[in-house]
Amino acid sequence: MATKVNLFPDQGADYQHIFLYRNKATGAAINLAGYTIEMQVRPFAQSDELLFDGDTGAKSNVEITDAANGEITITIPATITELWRNNEAVYDIKGTPSGGEPERIAQGSVYLSKATTR
């Protein structure tokens, strides 16, 4: 089961969040060496519309910043948050170990703090 973490970006600003992937039973860090990480944000889970699509590969904006300690940093650029019109959306982060099956690392809601001054 994924860790539930809600995100609170400001519209029109860069947003960065650090996730720590841990073993739920022991609390020990899960080593992310060899993992591919991907994250998507959508208006709702079944939506075909992508508000953000990032990964540790060519899409970028998702980085394993400390593999041994299970640390993942996501960065959603201001150019993306500026275009969001939804007050609320959902996301999840999946990690796939080399040669393994995908694992859902985190999921939750995204609550956008709307910009007033333009």
PDB file of N, CA and C in Angstrom:
ATOM      1  N   MET A   1       0.836  -1.181   0.000  1.00  0.00           N
ATOM      2  CA  MET A   1       0.000   0.000   0.000  1.00  0.00           C
ATOM      3  C   MET A   1       0.883   1.246   0.000  1.00  0.00           C
ATOM      4  N   ALA A   2       0.513   2.201  -0.829  1.00  0.00           N
ATOM      5  CA  ALA A   2       1.283   3.431  -0.978  1.00  0.00           C
ATOM      6  C   ALA A   2       1.069   4.361   0.212  1.00  0.00           C
ATOM      7  N   THR A   3       2.068   5.162   0.484  1.00  0.00           N
ATOM      8  CA  THR A   3       1.961   6.206   1.501  1.00  0.00           C
ATOM      9  C   THR A   3       1.099   7.328   0.955  1.00  0.00           C
ATOM     10  N   LYS A   4       0.174   7.819   1.763  1.00  0.00           N
ATOM     11  CA  LYS A   4      -0.680   8.928   1.336  1.00  0.00           C
ATOM     12  C   LYS A   4      -0.046  10.242   1.772  1.00  0.00           C
ATOM     13  N   VAL A   5       0.210  11.097   0.781  1.00  0.00           N
ATOM     14  CA  VAL A   5       0.793  12.417   1.021  1.00  0.00           C
ATOM     15  C   VAL A   5       0.061  13.406   0.128  1.00  0.00           C
ATOM     16  N   ASN A   6      -0.527  14.427   0.714  1.00  0.00           N
ATOM     17  CA  ASN A   6      -1.177  15.464  -0.078  1.00  0.00           C
ATOM     18  C   ASN A   6      -0.171  16.558  -0.410  1.00  0.00           C
ATOM     19  N   LEU A   7      -0.323  17.153  -1.595  1.00  0.00           N
ATOM     20  CA  LEU A   7       0.593  18.181  -2.084  1.00  0.00           C
ATOM     21  C   LEU A   7      -0.146  19.511  -2.192  1.00  0.00           C
ATOM     22  N   PHE A   8       0.583  20.626  -1.976  1.00  0.00           N
ATOM     23  CA  PHE A   8      -0.025  21.957  -1.928  1.00  0.00           C
ATOM     24  C   PHE A   8       0.784  22.965  -2.745  1.00  0.00           C
ATOM     25  N   PRO A   9       0.793  22.831  -4.082  1.00  0.00           N
ATOM     26  CA  PRO A   9       1.544  23.788  -4.905  1.00  0.00           C
ATOM     27  C   PRO A   9       0.817  25.130  -5.040  1.00  0.00           C
ATOM     28  N   ASP A  10       1.596  26.184  -5.283  1.00  0.00           N
ATOM     29  CA  ASP A  10       1.052  27.500  -5.610  1.00  0.00           C
ATOM     30  C   ASP A  10       0.966  27.617  -7.122  1.00  0.00           C
ATOM     31  N   GLN A  11      -0.144  28.131  -7.620  1.00  0.00           N
ATOM     32  CA  GLN A  11      -0.308  28.316  -9.060  1.00  0.00           C
ATOM     33  C   GLN A  11       0.740  29.307  -9.568  1.00  0.00           C
ATOM     34  N   GLY A  12       1.395  28.954 -10.673  1.00  0.00           N
ATOM     35  CA  GLY A  12       2.383  29.832 -11.296  1.00  0.00           C
ATOM     36  C   GLY A  12       3.736  29.844 -10.627  1.00  0.00           C
ATOM     37  N   ALA A  13       3.969  28.896  -9.707  1.00  0.00           N
ATOM     38  CA  ALA A  13       5.266  28.818  -9.023  1.00  0.00           C
ATOM     39  C   ALA A  13       5.837  27.409  -9.173  1.00  0.00           C
ATOM     40  N   ASP A  14       7.160  27.322  -9.145  1.00  0.00           N
ATOM     41  CA  ASP A  14       7.795  26.004  -9.108  1.00  0.00           C
ATOM     42  C   ASP A  14       7.386  25.318  -7.809  1.00  0.00           C
ATOM     43  N   TYR A  15       7.183  24.009  -7.882  1.00  0.00           N
ATOM     44  CA  TYR A  15       6.835  23.243  -6.686  1.00  0.00           C
ATOM     45  C   TYR A  15       7.776  22.053  -6.588  1.00  0.00           C
ATOM     46  N   GLN A  16       8.352  21.877  -5.426  1.00  0.00           N
ATOM     47  CA  GLN A  16       9.268  20.752  -5.203  1.00  0.00           C
ATOM     48  C   GLN A  16       8.854  20.025  -3.925  1.00  0.00           C
ATOM     49  N   HIS A  17       8.928  18.705  -3.974  1.00  0.00           N
ATOM     50  CA  HIS A  17       8.599  17.898  -2.804  1.00  0.00           C
ATOM     51  C   HIS A  17       9.555  16.707  -2.753  1.00  0.00           C
ATOM     52  N   ILE A  18       9.989  16.367  -1.555  1.00  0.00           N
ATOM     53  CA  ILE A  18      10.869  15.215  -1.363  1.00  0.00           C
ATOM     54  C   ILE A  18      10.068  14.098  -0.712  1.00  0.00           C
ATOM     55  N   PHE A  19      10.136  12.925  -1.315  1.00  0.00           N
ATOM     56  CA  PHE A  19       9.489  11.725  -0.792  1.00  0.00           C
ATOM     57  C   PHE A  19      10.563  10.767  -0.291  1.00  0.00           C
ATOM     58  N   LEU A  20      10.277  10.080   0.797  1.00  0.00           N
ATOM     59  CA  LEU A  20      11.172   9.061   1.328  1.00  0.00           C
ATOM     60  C   LEU A  20      10.449   7.721   1.268  1.00  0.00           C
ATOM     61  N   TYR A  21      10.996   6.788   0.486  1.00  0.00           N
ATOM     62  CA  TYR A  21      10.383   5.472   0.318  1.00  0.00           C
ATOM     63  C   TYR A  21      10.899   4.561   1.418  1.00  0.00           C
ATOM     64  N   ARG A  22       9.979   4.075   2.256  1.00  0.00           N
ATOM     65  CA  ARG A  22      10.326   3.267   3.417  1.00  0.00           C
ATOM     66  C   ARG A  22       9.557   1.954   3.427  1.00  0.00           C
ATOM     67  N   ASN A  23      10.135   0.948   4.048  1.00  0.00           N
ATOM     68  CA  ASN A  23       9.452  -0.305   4.318  1.00  0.00           C
ATOM     69  C   ASN A  23       8.433  -0.026   5.420  1.00  0.00           C
ATOM     70  N   LYS A  24       7.148  -0.283   5.146  1.00  0.00           N
ATOM     71  CA  LYS A  24       6.106   0.055   6.127  1.00  0.00           C
ATOM     72  C   LYS A  24       6.242  -0.724   7.427  1.00  0.00           C
ATOM     73  N   ALA A  25       6.706  -1.958   7.356  1.00  0.00           N
ATOM     74  CA  ALA A  25       6.801  -2.795   8.561  1.00  0.00           C
ATOM     75  C   ALA A  25       7.971  -2.386   9.458  1.00  0.00           C
ATOM     76  N   THR A  26       9.119  -2.031   8.830  1.00  0.00           N
ATOM     77  CA  THR A  26      10.320  -1.772   9.621  1.00  0.00           C
ATOM     78  C   THR A  26      10.729  -0.295   9.669  1.00  0.00           C
ATOM     79  N   GLY A  27      10.245   0.497   8.717  1.00  0.00           N
ATOM     80  CA  GLY A  27      10.647   1.897   8.637  1.00  0.00           C
ATOM     81  C   GLY A  27      11.987   2.107   7.959  1.00  0.00           C
ATOM     82  N   ALA A  28      12.620   1.014   7.546  1.00  0.00           N
ATOM     83  CA  ALA A  28      13.930   1.104   6.888  1.00  0.00           C
ATOM     84  C   ALA A  28      13.777   1.669   5.473  1.00  0.00           C
ATOM     85  N   ALA A  29      14.771   2.438   5.060  1.00  0.00           N
ATOM     86  CA  ALA A  29      14.784   2.988   3.705  1.00  0.00           C
ATOM     87  C   ALA A  29      14.854   1.868   2.684  1.00  0.00           C
ATOM     88  N   ILE A  30      14.141   2.042   1.584  1.00  0.00           N
ATOM     89  CA  ILE A  30      14.228   1.101   0.464  1.00  0.00           C
ATOM     90  C   ILE A  30      15.210   1.683  -0.534  1.00  0.00           C
ATOM     91  N   ASN A  31      16.249   0.934  -0.840  1.00  0.00           N
ATOM     92  CA  ASN A  31      17.285   1.387  -1.761  1.00  0.00           C
ATOM     93  C   ASN A  31      16.705   1.450  -3.172  1.00  0.00           C
ATOM     94  N   LEU A  32      16.799   2.619  -3.778  1.00  0.00           N
ATOM     95  CA  LEU A  32      16.213   2.852  -5.095  1.00  0.00           C
ATOM     96  C   LEU A  32      17.206   2.700  -6.244  1.00  0.00           C
ATOM     97  N   ALA A  33      18.388   2.167  -5.971  1.00  0.00           N
ATOM     98  CA  ALA A  33      19.369   1.947  -7.037  1.00  0.00           C
ATOM     99  C   ALA A  33      18.751   1.029  -8.097  1.00  0.00           C
ATOM    100  N   GLY A  34      18.806   1.455  -9.340  1.00  0.00           N
ATOM    101  CA  GLY A  34      18.266   0.664 -10.447  1.00  0.00           C
ATOM    102  C   GLY A  34      16.777   0.861 -10.693  1.00  0.00           C
ATOM    103  N   TYR A  35      16.112   1.672  -9.880  1.00  0.00           N
ATOM    104  CA  TYR A  35      14.675   1.929 -10.061  1.00  0.00           C
ATOM    105  C   TYR A  35      14.435   2.981 -11.140  1.00  0.00           C
ATOM    106  N   THR A  36      13.297   2.878 -11.788  1.00  0.00           N
ATOM    107  CA  THR A  36      12.746   3.939 -12.617  1.00  0.00           C
ATOM    108  C   THR A  36      11.531   4.460 -11.859  1.00  0.00           C
ATOM    109  N   ILE A  37      11.423   5.770 -11.727  1.00  0.00           N
ATOM    110  CA  ILE A  37      10.328   6.391 -10.980  1.00  0.00           C
ATOM    111  C   ILE A  37       9.508   7.238 -11.945  1.00  0.00           C
ATOM    112  N   GLU A  38       8.180   7.147 -11.824  1.00  0.00           N
ATOM    113  CA  GLU A  38       7.310   7.991 -12.635  1.00  0.00           C
ATOM    114  C   GLU A  38       6.181   8.553 -11.779  1.00  0.00           C
ATOM    115  N   MET A  39       5.716   9.741 -12.169  1.00  0.00           N
ATOM    116  CA  MET A  39       4.634  10.414 -11.442  1.00  0.00           C
ATOM    117  C   MET A  39       3.686  11.047 -12.449  1.00  0.00           C
ATOM    118  N   GLN A  40       2.389  10.912 -12.178  1.00  0.00           N
ATOM    119  CA  GLN A  40       1.384  11.583 -12.985  1.00  0.00           C
ATOM    120  C   GLN A  40       0.381  12.279 -12.071  1.00  0.00           C
ATOM    121  N   VAL A  41      -0.086  13.449 -12.536  1.00  0.00           N
ATOM    122  CA  VAL A  41      -1.152  14.192 -11.873  1.00  0.00           C
ATOM    123  C   VAL A  41      -2.296  14.289 -12.871  1.00  0.00           C
ATOM    124  N   ARG A  42      -3.511  13.978 -12.402  1.00  0.00           N
ATOM    125  CA  ARG A  42      -4.712  14.021 -13.239  1.00  0.00           C
ATOM    126  C   ARG A  42      -5.839  14.705 -12.460  1.00  0.00           C
ATOM    127  N   PRO A  43      -6.847  15.238 -13.171  1.00  0.00           N
ATOM    128  CA  PRO A  43      -7.982  15.842 -12.470  1.00  0.00           C
ATOM    129  C   PRO A  43      -8.693  14.856 -11.538  1.00  0.00           C
ATOM    130  N   PHE A  44      -8.805  13.612 -11.962  1.00  0.00           N
ATOM    131  CA  PHE A  44      -9.341  12.519 -11.147  1.00  0.00           C
ATOM    132  C   PHE A  44      -8.733  11.229 -11.668  1.00  0.00           C
ATOM    133  N   ALA A  45      -8.761  10.188 -10.880  1.00  0.00           N
ATOM    134  CA  ALA A  45      -7.986   8.976 -11.169  1.00  0.00           C
ATOM    135  C   ALA A  45      -8.276   8.368 -12.545  1.00  0.00           C
ATOM    136  N   GLN A  46      -9.504   8.366 -12.989  1.00  0.00           N
ATOM    137  CA  GLN A  46      -9.855   7.719 -14.255  1.00  0.00           C
ATOM    138  C   GLN A  46      -9.726   8.654 -15.460  1.00  0.00           C
ATOM    139  N   SER A  47      -9.330   9.894 -15.242  1.00  0.00           N
ATOM    140  CA  SER A  47      -9.237  10.878 -16.325  1.00  0.00           C
ATOM    141  C   SER A  47      -8.120  10.530 -17.306  1.00  0.00           C
ATOM    142  N   ASP A  48      -8.362  10.824 -18.577  1.00  0.00           N
ATOM    143  CA  ASP A  48      -7.320  10.687 -19.596  1.00  0.00           C
ATOM    144  C   ASP A  48      -6.432  11.928 -19.660  1.00  0.00           C
ATOM    145  N   GLU A  49      -6.894  13.025 -19.059  1.00  0.00           N
ATOM    146  CA  GLU A  49      -6.147  14.289 -19.085  1.00  0.00           C
ATOM    147  C   GLU A  49      -4.993  14.248 -18.092  1.00  0.00           C
ATOM    148  N   LEU A  50      -3.814  14.564 -18.586  1.00  0.00           N
ATOM    149  CA  LEU A  50      -2.625  14.645 -17.735  1.00  0.00           C
ATOM    150  C   LEU A  50      -2.341  16.102 -17.409  1.00  0.00           C
ATOM    151  N   LEU A  51      -2.248  16.413 -16.122  1.00  0.00           N
ATOM    152  CA  LEU A  51      -1.856  17.749 -15.702  1.00  0.00           C
ATOM    153  C   LEU A  51      -0.340  17.836 -15.532  1.00  0.00           C
ATOM    154  N   PHE A  52       0.276  16.707 -15.215  1.00  0.00           N
ATOM    155  CA  PHE A  52       1.737  16.610 -15.076  1.00  0.00           C
ATOM    156  C   PHE A  52       2.136  15.168 -15.323  1.00  0.00           C
ATOM    157  N   ASP A  53       3.213  14.995 -16.067  1.00  0.00           N
ATOM    158  CA  ASP A  53       3.712  13.660 -16.396  1.00  0.00           C
ATOM    159  C   ASP A  53       5.231  13.708 -16.339  1.00  0.00           C
ATOM    160  N   GLY A  54       5.807  13.129 -15.284  1.00  0.00           N
ATOM    161  CA  GLY A  54       7.252  13.171 -15.123  1.00  0.00           C
ATOM    162  C   GLY A  54       7.817  11.812 -14.781  1.00  0.00           C
ATOM    163  N   ASP A  55       9.101  11.643 -15.034  1.00  0.00           N
ATOM    164  CA  ASP A  55       9.780  10.400 -14.662  1.00  0.00           C
ATOM    165  C   ASP A  55      11.276  10.644 -14.533  1.00  0.00           C
ATOM    166  N   THR A  56      11.993   9.606 -14.160  1.00  0.00           N
ATOM    167  CA  THR A  56      13.445   9.725 -14.020  1.00  0.00           C
ATOM    168  C   THR A  56      14.150   9.577 -15.362  1.00  0.00           C
ATOM    169  N   GLY A  57      13.382   9.402 -16.433  1.00  0.00           N
ATOM    170  CA  GLY A  57      13.949   9.252 -17.775  1.00  0.00           C
ATOM    171  C   GLY A  57      13.817  10.532 -18.585  1.00  0.00           C
ATOM    172  N   ALA A  58      13.379  10.374 -19.817  1.00  0.00           N
ATOM    173  CA  ALA A  58      13.322  11.478 -20.775  1.00  0.00           C
ATOM    174  C   ALA A  58      12.331  12.578 -20.393  1.00  0.00           C
ATOM    175  N   LYS A  59      11.259  12.233 -19.679  1.00  0.00           N
ATOM    176  CA  LYS A  59      10.262  13.246 -19.294  1.00  0.00           C
ATOM    177  C   LYS A  59      10.816  14.185 -18.231  1.00  0.00           C
ATOM    178  N   SER A  60      11.718  13.691 -17.422  1.00  0.00           N
ATOM    179  CA  SER A  60      12.418  14.408 -16.337  1.00  0.00           C
ATOM    180  C   SER A  60      11.466  14.914 -15.252  1.00  0.00           C
ATOM    181  N   ASN A  61      11.924  15.836 -14.440  1.00  0.00           N
ATOM    182  CA  ASN A  61      11.216  16.438 -13.309  1.00  0.00           C
ATOM    183  C   ASN A  61      10.995  15.493 -12.138  1.00  0.00           C
ATOM    184  N   VAL A  62      11.485  14.277 -12.221  1.00  0.00           N
ATOM    185  CA  VAL A  62      11.483  13.332 -11.107  1.00  0.00           C
ATOM    186  C   VAL A  62      12.905  12.807 -10.994  1.00  0.00           C
ATOM    187  N   GLU A  63      13.467  12.872  -9.794  1.00  0.00           N
ATOM    188  CA  GLU A  63      14.872  12.500  -9.620  1.00  0.00           C
ATOM    189  C   GLU A  63      15.050  11.661  -8.355  1.00  0.00           C
ATOM    190  N   ILE A  64      15.834  10.621  -8.477  1.00  0.00           N
ATOM    191  CA  ILE A  64      16.256   9.871  -7.293  1.00  0.00           C
ATOM    192  C   ILE A  64      17.447  10.647  -6.738  1.00  0.00           C
ATOM    193  N   THR A  65      17.228  11.343  -5.624  1.00  0.00           N
ATOM    194  CA  THR A  65      18.258  12.235  -5.104  1.00  0.00           C
ATOM    195  C   THR A  65      19.176  11.565  -4.089  1.00  0.00           C
ATOM    196  N   ASP A  66      18.741  10.458  -3.508  1.00  0.00           N
ATOM    197  CA  ASP A  66      19.580   9.682  -2.593  1.00  0.00           C
ATOM    198  C   ASP A  66      19.061   8.246  -2.610  1.00  0.00           C
ATOM    199  N   ALA A  67      19.581   7.458  -3.544  1.00  0.00           N
ATOM    200  CA  ALA A  67      19.072   6.095  -3.759  1.00  0.00           C
ATOM    201  C   ALA A  67      19.144   5.245  -2.505  1.00  0.00           C
ATOM    202  N   ALA A  68      20.262   5.277  -1.805  1.00  0.00           N
ATOM    203  CA  ALA A  68      20.454   4.419  -0.635  1.00  0.00           C
ATOM    204  C   ALA A  68      19.442   4.717   0.478  1.00  0.00           C
ATOM    205  N   ASN A  69      19.008   5.966   0.553  1.00  0.00           N
ATOM    206  CA  ASN A  69      18.063   6.358   1.602  1.00  0.00           C
ATOM    207  C   ASN A  69      16.632   6.503   1.092  1.00  0.00           C
ATOM    208  N   GLY A  70      16.360   6.007  -0.131  1.00  0.00           N
ATOM    209  CA  GLY A  70      15.002   6.005  -0.670  1.00  0.00           C
ATOM    210  C   GLY A  70      14.430   7.374  -0.958  1.00  0.00           C
ATOM    211  N   GLU A  71      15.287   8.330  -1.300  1.00  0.00           N
ATOM    212  CA  GLU A  71      14.838   9.716  -1.486  1.00  0.00           C
ATOM    213  C   GLU A  71      14.560  10.044  -2.950  1.00  0.00           C
ATOM    214  N   ILE A  72      13.349  10.559  -3.184  1.00  0.00           N
ATOM    215  CA  ILE A  72      12.896  10.975  -4.520  1.00  0.00           C
ATOM    216  C   ILE A  72      12.495  12.439  -4.430  1.00  0.00           C
ATOM    217  N   THR A  73      12.937  13.253  -5.382  1.00  0.00           N
ATOM    218  CA  THR A  73      12.541  14.660  -5.432  1.00  0.00           C
ATOM    219  C   THR A  73      11.760  14.893  -6.719  1.00  0.00           C
ATOM    220  N   ILE A  74      10.571  15.463  -6.560  1.00  0.00           N
ATOM    221  CA  ILE A  74       9.780  15.831  -7.739  1.00  0.00           C
ATOM    222  C   ILE A  74       9.782  17.350  -7.845  1.00  0.00           C
ATOM    223  N   THR A  75       9.828  17.829  -9.075  1.00  0.00           N
ATOM    224  CA  THR A  75       9.777  19.261  -9.336  1.00  0.00           C
ATOM    225  C   THR A  75       8.734  19.494 -10.424  1.00  0.00           C
ATOM    226  N   ILE A  76       7.717  20.274 -10.074  1.00  0.00           N
ATOM    227  CA  ILE A  76       6.704  20.651 -11.053  1.00  0.00           C
ATOM    228  C   ILE A  76       6.967  22.119 -11.394  1.00  0.00           C
ATOM    229  N   PRO A  77       7.349  22.401 -12.645  1.00  0.00           N
ATOM    230  CA  PRO A  77       7.732  23.763 -13.017  1.00  0.00           C
ATOM    231  C   PRO A  77       6.552  24.745 -12.990  1.00  0.00           C
ATOM    232  N   ALA A  78       6.874  26.015 -12.774  1.00  0.00           N
ATOM    233  CA  ALA A  78       5.874  27.087 -12.778  1.00  0.00           C
ATOM    234  C   ALA A  78       5.087  27.112 -14.090  1.00  0.00           C
ATOM    235  N   THR A  79       5.741  26.769 -15.198  1.00  0.00           N
ATOM    236  CA  THR A  79       5.058  26.767 -16.496  1.00  0.00           C
ATOM    237  C   THR A  79       3.918  25.747 -16.539  1.00  0.00           C
ATOM    238  N   ILE A  80       4.009  24.725 -15.695  1.00  0.00           N
ATOM    239  CA  ILE A  80       2.940  23.713 -15.594  1.00  0.00           C
ATOM    240  C   ILE A  80       1.876  24.174 -14.599  1.00  0.00           C
ATOM    241  N   THR A  81       2.274  24.581 -13.398  1.00  0.00           N
ATOM    242  CA  THR A  81       1.284  24.971 -12.382  1.00  0.00           C
ATOM    243  C   THR A  81       0.494  26.208 -12.818  1.00  0.00           C
ATOM    244  N   GLU A  82       1.100  27.044 -13.645  1.00  0.00           N
ATOM    245  CA  GLU A  82       0.409  28.238 -14.159  1.00  0.00           C
ATOM    246  C   GLU A  82      -0.833  27.858 -14.967  1.00  0.00           C
ATOM    247  N   LEU A  83      -0.767  26.737 -15.675  1.00  0.00           N
ATOM    248  CA  LEU A  83      -1.859  26.318 -16.561  1.00  0.00           C
ATOM    249  C   LEU A  83      -2.970  25.562 -15.838  1.00  0.00           C
ATOM    250  N   TRP A  84      -2.718  25.112 -14.620  1.00  0.00           N
ATOM    251  CA  TRP A  84      -3.726  24.330 -13.904  1.00  0.00           C
ATOM    252  C   TRP A  84      -4.913  25.201 -13.530  1.00  0.00           C
ATOM    253  N   ARG A  85      -6.104  24.686 -13.798  1.00  0.00           N
ATOM    254  CA  ARG A  85      -7.339  25.392 -13.458  1.00  0.00           C
ATOM    255  C   ARG A  85      -8.137  24.645 -12.393  1.00  0.00           C
ATOM    256  N   ASN A  86      -7.765  23.402 -12.151  1.00  0.00           N
ATOM    257  CA  ASN A  86      -8.460  22.597 -11.146  1.00  0.00           C
ATOM    258  C   ASN A  86      -8.047  23.044  -9.746  1.00  0.00           C
ATOM    259  N   ASN A  87      -8.991  23.096  -8.835  1.00  0.00           N
ATOM    260  CA  ASN A  87      -8.658  23.370  -7.440  1.00  0.00           C
ATOM    261  C   ASN A  87      -8.039  22.146  -6.795  1.00  0.00           C
ATOM    262  N   GLU A  88      -8.435  20.975  -7.279  1.00  0.00           N
ATOM    263  CA  GLU A  88      -7.973  19.716  -6.698  1.00  0.00           C
ATOM    264  C   GLU A  88      -7.726  18.708  -7.806  1.00  0.00           C
ATOM    265  N   ALA A  89      -6.717  17.899  -7.612  1.00  0.00           N
ATOM    266  CA  ALA A  89      -6.385  16.826  -8.555  1.00  0.00           C
ATOM    267  C   ALA A  89      -5.844  15.653  -7.733  1.00  0.00           C
ATOM    268  N   VAL A  90      -5.449  14.588  -8.406  1.00  0.00           N
ATOM    269  CA  VAL A  90      -4.864  13.424  -7.735  1.00  0.00           C
ATOM    270  C   VAL A  90      -3.562  13.047  -8.435  1.00  0.00           C
ATOM    271  N   TYR A  91      -2.706  12.346  -7.695  1.00  0.00           N
ATOM    272  CA  TYR A  91      -1.441  11.907  -8.267  1.00  0.00           C
ATOM    273  C   TYR A  91      -1.079  10.550  -7.675  1.00  0.00           C
ATOM    274  N   ASP A  92      -0.154   9.900  -8.332  1.00  0.00           N
ATOM    275  CA  ASP A  92       0.556   8.802  -7.690  1.00  0.00           C
ATOM    276  C   ASP A  92       1.964   8.733  -8.254  1.00  0.00           C
ATOM    277  N   ILE A  93       2.818   8.064  -7.496  1.00  0.00           N
ATOM    278  CA  ILE A  93       4.211   7.844  -7.893  1.00  0.00           C
ATOM    279  C   ILE A  93       4.434   6.345  -7.889  1.00  0.00           C
ATOM    280  N   LYS A  94       4.972   5.852  -9.003  1.00  0.00           N
ATOM    281  CA  LYS A  94       5.286   4.423  -9.103  1.00  0.00           C
ATOM    282  C   LYS A  94       6.772   4.245  -9.331  1.00  0.00           C
ATOM    283  N   GLY A  95       7.308   3.215  -8.702  1.00  0.00           N
ATOM    284  CA  GLY A  95       8.708   2.862  -8.887  1.00  0.00           C
ATOM    285  C   GLY A  95       8.799   1.456  -9.432  1.00  0.00           C
ATOM    286  N   THR A  96       9.690   1.269 -10.384  1.00  0.00           N
ATOM    287  CA  THR A  96       9.892  -0.056 -10.960  1.00  0.00           C
ATOM    288  C   THR A  96      11.362  -0.432 -10.808  1.00  0.00           C
ATOM    289  N   PRO A  97      11.636  -1.462 -10.005  1.00  0.00           N
ATOM    290  CA  PRO A  97      13.028  -1.906  -9.889  1.00  0.00           C
ATOM    291  C   PRO A  97      13.464  -2.570 -11.194  1.00  0.00           C
ATOM    292  N   SER A  98      14.742  -2.547 -11.456  1.00  0.00           N
ATOM    293  CA  SER A  98      15.276  -3.172 -12.658  1.00  0.00           C
ATOM    294  C   SER A  98      14.821  -4.625 -12.719  1.00  0.00           C
ATOM    295  N   GLY A  99      14.096  -4.975 -13.779  1.00  0.00           N
ATOM    296  CA  GLY A  99      13.626  -6.342 -13.965  1.00  0.00           C
ATOM    297  C   GLY A  99      12.477  -6.748 -13.058  1.00  0.00           C
ATOM    298  N   GLY A 100      11.871  -5.784 -12.347  1.00  0.00           N
ATOM    299  CA  GLY A 100      10.812  -6.115 -11.401  1.00  0.00           C
ATOM    300  C   GLY A 100       9.466  -5.541 -11.785  1.00  0.00           C
ATOM    301  N   GLU A 101       8.523  -5.697 -10.897  1.00  0.00           N
ATOM    302  CA  GLU A 101       7.162  -5.209 -11.088  1.00  0.00           C
ATOM    303  C   GLU A 101       7.019  -3.804 -10.483  1.00  0.00           C
ATOM    304  N   PRO A 102       6.166  -2.951 -11.089  1.00  0.00           N
ATOM    305  CA  PRO A 102       5.946  -1.612 -10.539  1.00  0.00           C
ATOM    306  C   PRO A 102       5.349  -1.657  -9.133  1.00  0.00           C
ATOM    307  N   GLU A 103       5.761  -0.699  -8.309  1.00  0.00           N
ATOM    308  CA  GLU A 103       5.275  -0.563  -6.941  1.00  0.00           C
ATOM    309  C   GLU A 103       4.758   0.864  -6.780  1.00  0.00           C
ATOM    310  N   ARG A 104       3.581   1.031  -6.208  1.00  0.00           N
ATOM    311  CA  ARG A 104       3.085   2.377  -5.937  1.00  0.00           C
ATOM    312  C   ARG A 104       3.746   2.873  -4.660  1.00  0.00           C
ATOM    313  N   ILE A 105       4.477   3.957  -4.765  1.00  0.00           N
ATOM    314  CA  ILE A 105       5.252   4.499  -3.645  1.00  0.00           C
ATOM    315  C   ILE A 105       4.428   5.496  -2.840  1.00  0.00           C
ATOM    316  N   ALA A 106       3.751   6.395  -3.531  1.00  0.00           N
ATOM    317  CA  ALA A 106       2.966   7.438  -2.855  1.00  0.00           C
ATOM    318  C   ALA A 106       1.766   7.798  -3.712  1.00  0.00           C
ATOM    319  N   GLN A 107       0.754   8.329  -3.055  1.00  0.00           N
ATOM    320  CA  GLN A 107      -0.432   8.811  -3.759  1.00  0.00           C
ATOM    321  C   GLN A 107      -1.119   9.835  -2.886  1.00  0.00           C
ATOM    322  N   GLY A 108      -1.988  10.612  -3.503  1.00  0.00           N
ATOM    323  CA  GLY A 108      -2.731  11.577  -2.709  1.00  0.00           C
ATOM    324  C   GLY A 108      -3.415  12.601  -3.571  1.00  0.00           C
ATOM    325  N   SER A 109      -3.846  13.655  -2.923  1.00  0.00           N
ATOM    326  CA  SER A 109      -4.507  14.763  -3.601  1.00  0.00           C
ATOM    327  C   SER A 109      -3.525  15.907  -3.787  1.00  0.00           C
ATOM    328  N   VAL A 110      -3.806  16.711  -4.801  1.00  0.00           N
ATOM    329  CA  VAL A 110      -3.050  17.933  -5.051  1.00  0.00           C
ATOM    330  C   VAL A 110      -4.041  19.083  -4.893  1.00  0.00           C
ATOM    331  N   TYR A 111      -3.764  19.957  -3.940  1.00  0.00           N
ATOM    332  CA  TYR A 111      -4.620  21.113  -3.686  1.00  0.00           C
ATOM    333  C   TYR A 111      -3.901  22.363  -4.173  1.00  0.00           C
ATOM    334  N   LEU A 112      -4.424  22.969  -5.247  1.00  0.00           N
ATOM    335  CA  LEU A 112      -3.770  24.113  -5.857  1.00  0.00           C
ATOM    336  C   LEU A 112      -4.170  25.400  -5.145  1.00  0.00           C
ATOM    337  N   SER A 113      -3.171  26.170  -4.725  1.00  0.00           N
ATOM    338  CA  SER A 113      -3.407  27.491  -4.171  1.00  0.00           C
ATOM    339  C   SER A 113      -3.419  28.460  -5.352  1.00  0.00           C
ATOM    340  N   LYS A 114      -4.607  28.933  -5.705  1.00  0.00           N
ATOM    341  CA  LYS A 114      -4.781  29.743  -6.906  1.00  0.00           C
ATOM    342  C   LYS A 114      -4.143  31.128  -6.758  1.00  0.00           C
ATOM    343  N   ALA A 115      -3.559  31.603  -7.851  1.00  0.00           N
ATOM    344  CA  ALA A 115      -2.968  32.935  -7.892  1.00  0.00           C
ATOM    345  C   ALA A 115      -4.056  33.985  -8.106  1.00  0.00           C
ATOM    346  N   THR A 116      -3.938  35.091  -7.435  1.00  0.00           N
ATOM    347  CA  THR A 116      -4.868  36.204  -7.615  1.00  0.00           C
ATOM    348  C   THR A 116      -4.215  37.308  -8.436  1.00  0.00           C
ATOM    349  N   THR A 117      -2.996  37.662  -8.064  1.00  0.00           N
ATOM    350  CA  THR A 117      -2.273  38.704  -8.769  1.00  0.00           C
ATOM    351  C   THR A 117      -1.692  38.122 -10.052  1.00  0.00           C
ATOM    352  N   ARG A 118      -1.929  38.824 -11.164  1.00  0.00           N
ATOM    353  CA  ARG A 118      -1.448  38.329 -12.452  1.00  0.00           C
ATOM    354  C   ARG A 118      -0.515  39.330 -13.089  1.00  0.00           C
TER     355      ARG A 118
END
